[in-house]
Structure formats: C-alpha cells, structure tokens
Amino acid sequence: PTRGTERRESIHTPPGSTRGAATLQQSLGRIYTLAKDQQGCRFLQRQLESDEAAEAVGLILAEVLPYLAELMIDPFGNYLCQKLIEKATNDQRLAMITQVGPNLVPISLNMHGTRSVQRLVENAKTPALVSALVSALRNYVVTLIKDLNGNHVIQRCLHCLTSDDNQFIFDAVAAHCVEVSTHRHGCCVLQRCIDYASPPQKLQLVREISVNALALVEDPFGNYVVQYVLAAAVPTQVKEGMVQRFLGHLANLSIQKFSSNVIEKCLVFAEGALREAMIEEFIHGGRLGDLVRDPYANYVIQKALAICSPAQLVAFSDMIRPLLPQLRNTPYGKRIQSKLLREPNNNAAARY
C-alpha cells in the first residue's frame, strides 16, 4: 500500500476495532490530528452521530478544547466543531465560547470560521450563552457587518436571538448609519435589522436613516436603504419627514442614476400637500427643460405627469409643450408626450 493508505489505515481503522466507541477510545491522544484530516474529521463526526454520542462529545472536547479556535477556521476541523456545538450540552457550549471568546471576531471573519460561529449563535439557548456571545461581539458589530463572512454572523444573530438580545446590533448600526448603509454588505444587513427590530428599535433605525437621507440617497448602496424605509411598516409621518428632506434638492437628485429611482418612489408614496409640493418644485424650479432631456430625470418627470393633479397637469403642459419639437425624436420624449395627452379632468387618485 501507498504511504497515504498506510496512514489512513493506522489512524482510522485500528486493528481489532469492531465498534465505533472502541475505535474512538483507541484514537484518544490523536483527536487533534484526526480533526485536521479529511477522513479523520469524518470519522470523528460519525462518532458524534452514534449511540454513544454524549460520551464521544466529552472525549473529543477534552482533547480539542485548547485548540478550538484553530480548528474552527480549519478547512476540515470546522465541520467537527459545528457537529460538536450541535451535540454538546449547554455547559459544554459555554466552555467552548469561553475558550474562543477572545478570538471569536477573527474566527467570524474567516470563510470556515464563520460557519462555526453561526452554529454557536443558533444553539445559544440560555441567557449565559447569549451573554457570552454578545460580550465577545459587542464592540465589533460594524467590522463584522462590512465583512464578506462576518456579516452572516450578525444576520444569524438577528434571526436567532431576541430583539432585546440584539439591541447591541441596533445601537451600533444606528451610531454608524451612513458607514453601514453605504457599504455593499452593510446595506443588506441594515435592511434585515429593520425586518427583525421591535417597533421602538425600528424607529431608532429609521430616524437615523431619515436624518442622513440626503447623503444616502445618492449612494449606490445607501439608496436601497432609503427605498426600503419607504416600503417598511413604519409610521407614515416618519416616512414623510424623510421625504421632506429632499425638497429643494429634487432637480439635482433626479438627474443622478441612483437617487432618481428614489425620487420616483417618493412621488408614489407622497400624498396630499407633500406630493403637491414636490410637483410644484418640478414645475416652477426653473430646470424642467433640463429634466425632460435628462436620461434619468425624464423618468421622474413621467411619473410626476402620471400622478399629478389636473391643475398641475395643465401647468406641466404649458411648460413642456414648447420643448416637444426637440423631444419628438427621442424615446423618452414620446413617452412624455403621451403623458401630456392624459385628460386633465382625470383624477390622479382614481388612476393610482
């Protein structure tokens, strides 16, 4: 046999072994080495699925506990760690968290380690376990959120822990709203925060988003956070307060790729006096000619034409009709012209 075959035979099939428990007993003293070997790791996981699983957890954990932080980020060892966490008692899990606590954040940032930490979160069923996890993660929430692997640990906390236990996440996100919202991973995590937050926590987040809405709406990622708030189950007056921050900036926001999408949604969301104020700004802001020619803003104007009041449609028509000869040969010019043909006595509310 080859050298590799001899090694597998000597490690995984001790002579005379007929039962899983006996095999594990004969492997004592070599558990750490087995855990970092593909076949050895599979062998150990099988012991954790056997009838003697409770005993196997104790025997394996006794040898690997000092090396747990290393094994959690190992390509093979992390699978053993996940299975250990799943099969361990709460006291054993607490011992594991205590052991790796100082290294829990670096482990979470690792492509293999993140899986083990997520398994810890999923199995944190006692106050002591939750407290130990929160203590280890509390000061590194933003770092984790912005990481390709670490953000999944925070999302697992949101999913598995109570909203009260997750207050440390909501506090960190609210305190670093712009930094999180304008990040590729952060904007997604913030949306999940809104989903899992209690009503007071949701208000805590949305108010920070509203205060920073002008900065977020122009960002490639932050604009999605603003759009999410518009669709979220939060008090209407809070959303209206956010939209009001865009007044006086509608033209500039409409000619930009990302913010133009948000302004369209704001027009649909806004009602009554707020919608009228937005449309009046388009009509009388002095830049309507530029807006109807702009590749982004023209869609905003089309939306405004579709939902404005009859009186505002007439005002729009008076401003835009002189520009139609220049727009006639453009795709968006034709669409704007079709919107102008809408009957002025049609009530916008009836149409939408």
Protein backbone atom coordinates (compact mmCIF):
# COMPACT_ATOMS: atom_id res chain seq x y z
CA PRO A 1 0.00 0.00 0.00
CA THR A 2 0.97 3.61 -0.53
CA ARG A 3 2.14 5.80 2.32
CA GLY A 4 -1.20 7.66 2.35
CA THR A 5 -3.12 4.38 2.58
CA GLU A 6 -0.98 3.21 5.50
CA ARG A 7 -1.72 6.48 7.30
CA ARG A 8 -5.49 6.17 6.83
CA GLU A 9 -5.46 2.58 8.00
CA SER A 10 -3.36 3.34 11.06
CA ILE A 11 -5.42 6.34 12.10
CA HIS A 12 -8.96 5.36 11.21
CA THR A 13 -9.14 1.59 11.48
CA PRO A 14 -7.15 0.45 14.49
CA PRO A 15 -6.60 -3.34 14.47
CA GLY A 16 -9.31 -5.31 16.22
CA SER A 17 -11.80 -2.44 16.26
CA THR A 18 -15.38 -3.56 15.75
CA ARG A 19 -17.41 -0.80 17.41
CA GLY A 20 -17.36 2.98 16.96
CA ALA A 21 -16.84 3.62 20.68
CA ALA A 22 -13.85 1.28 20.81
CA THR A 23 -12.34 2.96 17.76
CA LEU A 24 -12.68 6.35 19.42
CA GLN A 25 -11.12 5.03 22.60
CA GLN A 26 -8.13 3.74 20.66
CA SER A 27 -7.82 7.15 18.92
CA LEU A 28 -7.51 9.10 22.15
CA GLY A 29 -4.42 11.23 22.19
CA ARG A 30 -4.68 11.78 18.43
CA ILE A 31 -8.05 13.58 18.22
CA TYR A 32 -6.48 16.94 17.29
CA THR A 33 -4.57 15.33 14.42
CA LEU A 34 -7.63 13.46 13.25
CA ALA A 35 -9.72 16.65 13.29
CA LYS A 36 -7.46 18.33 10.74
CA ASP A 37 -7.52 15.37 8.36
CA GLN A 38 -10.40 14.97 5.91
CA GLN A 39 -11.04 11.30 6.62
CA GLY A 40 -10.24 11.70 10.31
CA CYS A 41 -12.73 14.54 10.65
CA ARG A 42 -15.42 12.42 9.03
CA PHE A 43 -14.61 9.56 11.37
CA LEU A 44 -14.98 11.82 14.42
CA GLN A 45 -18.26 13.22 13.15
CA ARG A 46 -19.60 9.69 12.81
CA GLN A 47 -18.82 9.09 16.48
CA LEU A 48 -20.95 12.13 17.31
CA GLU A 49 -23.87 10.52 15.46
CA SER A 50 -23.52 7.16 17.22
CA ASP A 51 -25.44 5.76 20.18
CA GLU A 52 -22.55 6.85 22.41
CA ALA A 53 -22.64 10.45 21.13
CA ALA A 54 -22.84 12.04 24.59
CA GLU A 55 -19.70 10.21 25.71
CA ALA A 56 -17.99 10.96 22.39
CA VAL A 57 -18.61 14.71 22.80
CA GLY A 58 -16.87 14.67 26.16
CA LEU A 59 -13.90 12.60 24.94
CA ILE A 60 -13.37 14.69 21.80
CA LEU A 61 -13.91 18.04 23.50
CA ALA A 62 -11.44 17.18 26.26
CA GLU A 63 -8.68 16.93 23.65
CA VAL A 64 -9.62 19.69 21.19
CA LEU A 65 -10.84 22.44 23.53
CA PRO A 66 -7.41 24.13 23.82
CA TYR A 67 -7.16 24.12 20.00
CA LEU A 68 -10.78 25.04 19.26
CA ALA A 69 -10.03 28.49 17.80
CA GLU A 70 -7.59 26.90 15.36
CA LEU A 71 -9.96 24.09 14.40
CA MET A 72 -12.88 26.44 13.80
CA ILE A 73 -11.00 28.02 10.89
CA ASP A 74 -9.57 24.76 9.58
CA PRO A 75 -10.97 23.52 6.23
CA PHE A 76 -11.82 20.16 7.82
CA GLY A 77 -11.81 20.87 11.53
CA ASN A 78 -14.62 23.43 11.25
CA TYR A 79 -17.06 20.64 10.36
CA LEU A 80 -16.16 18.79 13.54
CA CYS A 81 -16.59 21.98 15.54
CA GLN A 82 -20.05 22.54 14.07
CA LYS A 83 -21.07 19.00 14.95
CA LEU A 84 -19.63 19.34 18.46
CA ILE A 85 -21.61 22.52 19.03
CA GLU A 86 -24.77 20.83 17.81
CA LYS A 87 -24.36 17.76 20.06
CA ALA A 88 -22.86 19.42 23.16
CA THR A 89 -24.69 20.29 26.36
CA ASN A 90 -25.23 23.93 27.24
CA ASP A 91 -22.43 23.75 29.79
CA GLN A 92 -20.09 22.36 27.16
CA ARG A 93 -21.12 25.08 24.72
CA LEU A 94 -20.40 27.72 27.34
CA ALA A 95 -16.95 26.23 27.85
CA MET A 96 -16.39 26.43 24.09
CA ILE A 97 -17.45 30.08 23.86
CA THR A 98 -15.31 30.93 26.88
CA GLN A 99 -12.34 29.24 25.25
CA VAL A 100 -12.64 31.01 21.88
CA GLY A 101 -14.19 34.27 23.12
CA PRO A 102 -11.08 36.46 22.61
CA ASN A 103 -10.77 35.10 19.07
CA LEU A 104 -14.45 34.98 18.15
CA VAL A 105 -14.31 38.02 15.85
CA PRO A 106 -11.29 36.84 13.79
CA ILE A 107 -12.94 33.42 13.58
CA SER A 108 -16.14 35.07 12.32
CA LEU A 109 -14.20 36.86 9.57
CA ASN A 110 -12.79 33.57 8.30
CA MET A 111 -14.54 31.72 5.46
CA HIS A 112 -14.57 28.48 7.51
CA GLY A 113 -14.85 30.02 10.95
CA THR A 114 -18.00 31.95 10.18
CA ARG A 115 -19.90 28.66 9.87
CA SER A 116 -18.80 27.53 13.33
CA VAL A 117 -19.73 30.85 14.93
CA GLN A 118 -23.12 30.82 13.23
CA ARG A 119 -23.67 27.36 14.72
CA LEU A 120 -22.84 28.78 18.15
CA VAL A 121 -25.43 31.51 17.64
CA GLU A 122 -28.06 29.01 16.52
CA ASN A 123 -27.50 26.94 19.67
CA ALA A 124 -27.31 29.81 22.17
CA LYS A 125 -30.47 28.87 24.05
CA THR A 126 -29.63 30.08 27.56
CA PRO A 127 -29.05 33.58 28.97
CA ALA A 128 -25.47 32.65 29.86
CA LEU A 129 -24.68 31.56 26.31
CA VAL A 130 -26.29 34.64 24.78
CA SER A 131 -24.47 36.92 27.21
CA ALA A 132 -21.12 35.31 26.39
CA LEU A 133 -21.69 35.71 22.65
CA VAL A 134 -22.87 39.31 22.90
CA SER A 135 -19.91 40.18 25.11
CA ALA A 136 -17.49 38.83 22.51
CA LEU A 137 -19.17 40.54 19.53
CA ARG A 138 -20.46 43.81 21.01
CA ASN A 139 -17.55 46.10 20.09
CA TYR A 140 -17.05 44.76 16.57
CA VAL A 141 -20.52 44.89 15.02
CA VAL A 142 -19.64 47.29 12.18
CA THR A 143 -16.43 45.39 11.39
CA LEU A 144 -18.42 42.17 11.12
CA ILE A 145 -21.21 43.74 9.08
CA LYS A 146 -18.78 45.05 6.46
CA ASP A 147 -17.02 41.71 6.04
CA LEU A 148 -17.92 39.10 3.42
CA ASN A 149 -18.00 36.36 6.06
CA GLY A 150 -18.64 38.28 9.26
CA ASN A 151 -21.91 39.83 8.09
CA HIS A 152 -23.50 36.37 8.13
CA VAL A 153 -22.77 36.07 11.85
CA ILE A 154 -24.65 39.31 12.53
CA GLN A 155 -27.53 38.20 10.32
CA ARG A 156 -27.65 34.90 12.21
CA CYS A 157 -27.88 36.84 15.47
CA LEU A 158 -30.79 38.84 14.06
CA HIS A 159 -32.53 35.63 13.06
CA CYS A 160 -31.88 33.51 16.15
CA LEU A 161 -31.71 35.91 19.11
CA THR A 162 -34.50 38.04 20.52
CA SER A 163 -34.79 41.70 19.55
CA ASP A 164 -33.80 42.65 23.10
CA ASP A 165 -30.67 40.49 22.91
CA ASN A 166 -29.86 42.11 19.56
CA GLN A 167 -30.02 45.65 20.94
CA PHE A 168 -26.22 45.84 20.70
CA ILE A 169 -26.56 45.43 16.92
CA PHE A 170 -29.23 48.10 16.57
CA ASP A 171 -27.21 50.54 18.70
CA ALA A 172 -24.08 50.03 16.59
CA VAL A 173 -25.95 50.34 13.29
CA ALA A 174 -27.76 53.49 14.40
CA ALA A 175 -24.49 55.04 15.59
CA HIS A 176 -22.77 54.26 12.25
CA CYS A 177 -25.78 54.60 9.96
CA VAL A 178 -24.03 56.15 6.94
CA GLU A 179 -20.99 53.87 7.15
CA VAL A 180 -23.19 50.77 7.25
CA SER A 181 -25.80 51.92 4.72
CA THR A 182 -23.26 52.85 2.06
CA HIS A 183 -21.44 49.53 2.21
CA ARG A 184 -22.11 46.62 -0.14
CA HIS A 185 -22.85 44.18 2.68
CA GLY A 186 -23.94 46.78 5.20
CA CYS A 187 -26.94 47.98 3.21
CA CYS A 188 -28.31 44.43 3.14
CA VAL A 189 -27.72 43.88 6.86
CA LEU A 190 -29.41 47.18 7.73
CA GLN A 191 -32.50 46.09 5.82
CA ARG A 192 -32.53 42.86 7.83
CA CYS A 193 -32.19 44.94 11.00
CA ILE A 194 -35.38 46.78 10.05
CA ASP A 195 -37.10 43.42 9.47
CA TYR A 196 -36.18 41.96 12.86
CA ALA A 197 -36.40 45.09 15.01
CA SER A 198 -39.18 45.72 17.51
CA PRO A 199 -41.28 48.86 16.82
CA PRO A 200 -39.13 51.09 19.08
CA GLN A 201 -35.92 49.68 17.59
CA LYS A 202 -37.30 50.18 14.08
CA LEU A 203 -37.96 53.83 14.87
CA GLN A 204 -34.44 54.14 16.28
CA LEU A 205 -33.02 52.97 12.95
CA VAL A 206 -35.40 54.81 10.64
CA ARG A 207 -34.87 58.13 12.37
CA GLU A 208 -31.13 57.85 11.80
CA ILE A 209 -31.71 56.92 8.17
CA SER A 210 -34.05 59.91 7.79
CA VAL A 211 -31.51 62.34 9.28
CA ASN A 212 -28.91 61.10 6.79
CA ALA A 213 -31.27 60.59 3.85
CA LEU A 214 -29.66 63.19 1.59
CA ALA A 215 -26.27 61.51 1.90
CA LEU A 216 -27.71 58.02 1.45
CA VAL A 217 -30.00 58.66 -1.49
CA GLU A 218 -27.11 59.41 -3.89
CA ASP A 219 -25.08 56.37 -2.89
CA PRO A 220 -25.03 53.14 -4.96
CA PHE A 221 -25.95 51.13 -1.84
CA GLY A 222 -27.47 53.69 0.50
CA ASN A 223 -30.30 54.47 -1.91
CA TYR A 224 -31.64 50.94 -1.42
CA VAL A 225 -31.87 51.56 2.32
CA VAL A 226 -33.96 54.70 1.72
CA GLN A 227 -36.22 52.80 -0.67
CA TYR A 228 -36.61 50.03 1.90
CA VAL A 229 -37.74 52.52 4.53
CA LEU A 230 -40.39 53.86 2.14
CA ALA A 231 -41.82 50.35 1.87
CA ALA A 232 -41.35 49.39 5.53
CA ALA A 233 -44.06 49.19 8.17
CA VAL A 234 -43.16 52.41 9.98
CA PRO A 235 -45.40 55.37 10.84
CA THR A 236 -46.33 57.46 7.80
CA GLN A 237 -45.22 60.69 9.46
CA VAL A 238 -41.71 59.29 9.84
CA LYS A 239 -41.54 58.49 6.12
CA GLU A 240 -42.96 61.90 5.24
CA GLY A 241 -40.29 63.55 7.38
CA MET A 242 -37.64 61.73 5.35
CA VAL A 243 -39.17 62.72 2.01
CA GLN A 244 -39.41 66.37 3.11
CA ARG A 245 -35.63 66.43 3.39
CA PHE A 246 -35.46 66.05 -0.39
CA LEU A 247 -37.49 69.20 -1.04
CA GLY A 248 -35.27 71.90 -2.51
CA HIS A 249 -32.98 69.22 -3.98
CA LEU A 250 -35.34 67.38 -6.33
CA ALA A 251 -33.77 68.52 -9.61
CA ASN A 252 -30.24 67.55 -8.58
CA LEU A 253 -31.43 64.22 -7.18
CA SER A 254 -33.47 63.45 -10.30
CA ILE A 255 -30.52 63.70 -12.70
CA GLN A 256 -28.46 61.14 -10.81
CA LYS A 257 -28.69 57.43 -11.51
CA PHE A 258 -29.35 56.14 -8.00
CA SER A 259 -31.27 58.98 -6.40
CA SER A 260 -33.61 59.35 -9.39
CA ASN A 261 -35.09 55.93 -8.57
CA VAL A 262 -35.75 57.05 -5.02
CA ILE A 263 -37.44 60.29 -6.10
CA GLU A 264 -39.79 58.30 -8.33
CA LYS A 265 -40.77 56.15 -5.36
CA CYS A 266 -41.17 59.23 -3.18
CA LEU A 267 -43.64 60.68 -5.69
CA VAL A 268 -45.70 57.49 -5.48
CA PHE A 269 -45.50 57.32 -1.68
CA ALA A 270 -46.22 61.00 -1.01
CA GLU A 271 -49.81 62.14 -0.72
CA GLY A 272 -51.71 65.40 -0.44
CA ALA A 273 -49.69 68.51 0.29
CA LEU A 274 -46.33 66.72 0.22
CA ARG A 275 -46.87 65.35 -3.29
CA GLU A 276 -48.13 68.72 -4.48
CA ALA A 277 -45.04 70.42 -3.06
CA MET A 278 -42.77 68.00 -4.91
CA ILE A 279 -44.55 68.50 -8.23
CA GLU A 280 -44.66 72.29 -7.79
CA GLU A 281 -40.90 72.23 -7.34
CA PHE A 282 -40.52 70.43 -10.67
CA ILE A 283 -42.88 72.83 -12.45
CA HIS A 284 -41.54 76.10 -11.06
CA GLY A 285 -37.95 75.16 -10.15
CA GLY A 286 -36.55 76.59 -13.36
CA ARG A 287 -34.94 73.36 -14.58
CA LEU A 288 -37.81 71.50 -16.18
CA GLY A 289 -36.29 71.85 -19.66
CA ASP A 290 -33.12 70.13 -18.49
CA LEU A 291 -35.01 67.46 -16.61
CA VAL A 292 -37.16 66.31 -19.53
CA ARG A 293 -33.99 65.89 -21.64
CA ASP A 294 -32.02 64.04 -18.97
CA PRO A 295 -31.66 60.24 -19.35
CA TYR A 296 -32.59 59.71 -15.66
CA ALA A 297 -34.73 62.70 -14.73
CA ASN A 298 -37.13 62.19 -17.63
CA TYR A 299 -38.46 59.09 -15.88
CA VAL A 300 -39.10 61.14 -12.77
CA ILE A 301 -41.00 63.72 -14.82
CA GLN A 302 -43.00 60.96 -16.50
CA LYS A 303 -44.00 59.69 -13.06
CA ALA A 304 -44.93 63.21 -11.95
CA LEU A 305 -47.07 63.68 -15.06
CA ALA A 306 -48.83 60.38 -14.41
CA ILE A 307 -49.86 61.18 -10.83
CA CYS A 308 -50.21 64.97 -10.69
CA SER A 309 -53.49 66.79 -10.18
CA PRO A 310 -55.42 68.08 -13.20
CA ALA A 311 -54.36 71.68 -12.46
CA GLN A 312 -50.71 70.63 -12.23
CA LEU A 313 -51.01 68.68 -15.49
CA VAL A 314 -52.11 71.87 -17.21
CA ALA A 315 -49.15 73.73 -15.72
CA PHE A 316 -46.81 70.95 -16.82
CA SER A 317 -48.25 71.09 -20.34
CA ASP A 318 -47.72 74.85 -20.62
CA MET A 319 -44.06 74.39 -19.64
CA ILE A 320 -43.27 71.29 -21.68
CA ARG A 321 -45.21 71.75 -24.95
CA PRO A 322 -42.73 74.32 -26.33
CA LEU A 323 -39.99 71.71 -25.84
CA LEU A 324 -41.77 68.88 -27.67
CA PRO A 325 -40.24 69.54 -31.14
CA GLN A 326 -36.79 68.93 -29.60
CA LEU A 327 -38.00 65.80 -27.78
CA ARG A 328 -40.06 64.20 -30.52
CA ASN A 329 -37.27 62.04 -31.89
CA THR A 330 -36.16 60.71 -28.52
CA PRO A 331 -37.68 57.59 -26.90
CA TYR A 332 -38.42 59.37 -23.63
CA GLY A 333 -39.77 62.41 -25.49
CA LYS A 334 -42.50 60.27 -26.99
CA ARG A 335 -43.42 58.87 -23.59
CA ILE A 336 -43.57 62.35 -22.07
CA GLN A 337 -45.83 63.49 -24.90
CA SER A 338 -48.17 60.54 -24.26
CA LYS A 339 -48.36 61.51 -20.58
CA LEU A 340 -49.29 65.07 -21.54
CA LEU A 341 -52.20 63.72 -23.55
CA ARG A 342 -53.79 62.42 -20.37
CA GLU A 343 -57.18 64.04 -19.90
CA PRO A 344 -56.83 66.91 -17.37
CA ASN A 345 -60.17 66.06 -15.78
CA ASN A 346 -59.00 62.54 -14.89
CA ASN A 347 -58.37 62.32 -11.19
CA ALA A 348 -54.85 61.01 -10.47
CA ALA A 349 -56.06 59.23 -7.39
CA ALA A 350 -58.55 57.28 -9.48
CA ARG A 351 -55.77 56.14 -11.78
CA TYR A 352 -53.42 55.07 -9.00
